[in-house]
């Protein structure tokens, strides 16, 4: 290839890469609702409206004041939830997530919300953003005995929460979220509460 052609091709590639960087990039969609008897259905509609932000997987967690339920699947929101799936999610509180992976592999294990049971009780989390110190925190937690079930950086927050010695859910969450860095928004669900948090820069 003549030198001028090679130089022109390189310039074209550089221009295309710059244009890609300038384009709006969506990374996951999160949704939460409190105090509605059709919480799961409304969350489904909310995720459907947000699915341009991620089409790898979708999930909904619900709570009725006593119990929590979770349903997740790979694919588009409409593929992940049919009428039967939504009927299996009773409750007046719900959170949902539609995923575009920026950290962690694209597989069902990494779909959100993630639901755990720990000393503070059951909690589910859905997350949008990137935690820039997730690897450092994960390595520390593994050294301390934590066993991770996913490759998603979202799980780090749950391990920090489970290990917190604070006495209330809110204080344990504040302590956990203060340890992460990056741009993020979280919606969290307990059996009777919906909690939202975002990074200090909004």
Foldseek 3Di string as FASTA:
>chain_A
DDPVVVVVVVVVVVVVVVVVVVDDAAFKDKDKFAQAFQRLVVQLVVCLVVCVRAFQKKKKWAAALPDIDIFIDGGHSVVRDDPVNSVVGGHRIMMMMHGDDPWFDRDRQPYDQDWDQAPQGIKTKDKTWDFPCLVVLVVVLVVVPDDDRTRDSVVSLVSQLRPDPDDHSVVSSVVSVVPTDGWMKMWMDGNHDIDIDTDPVD
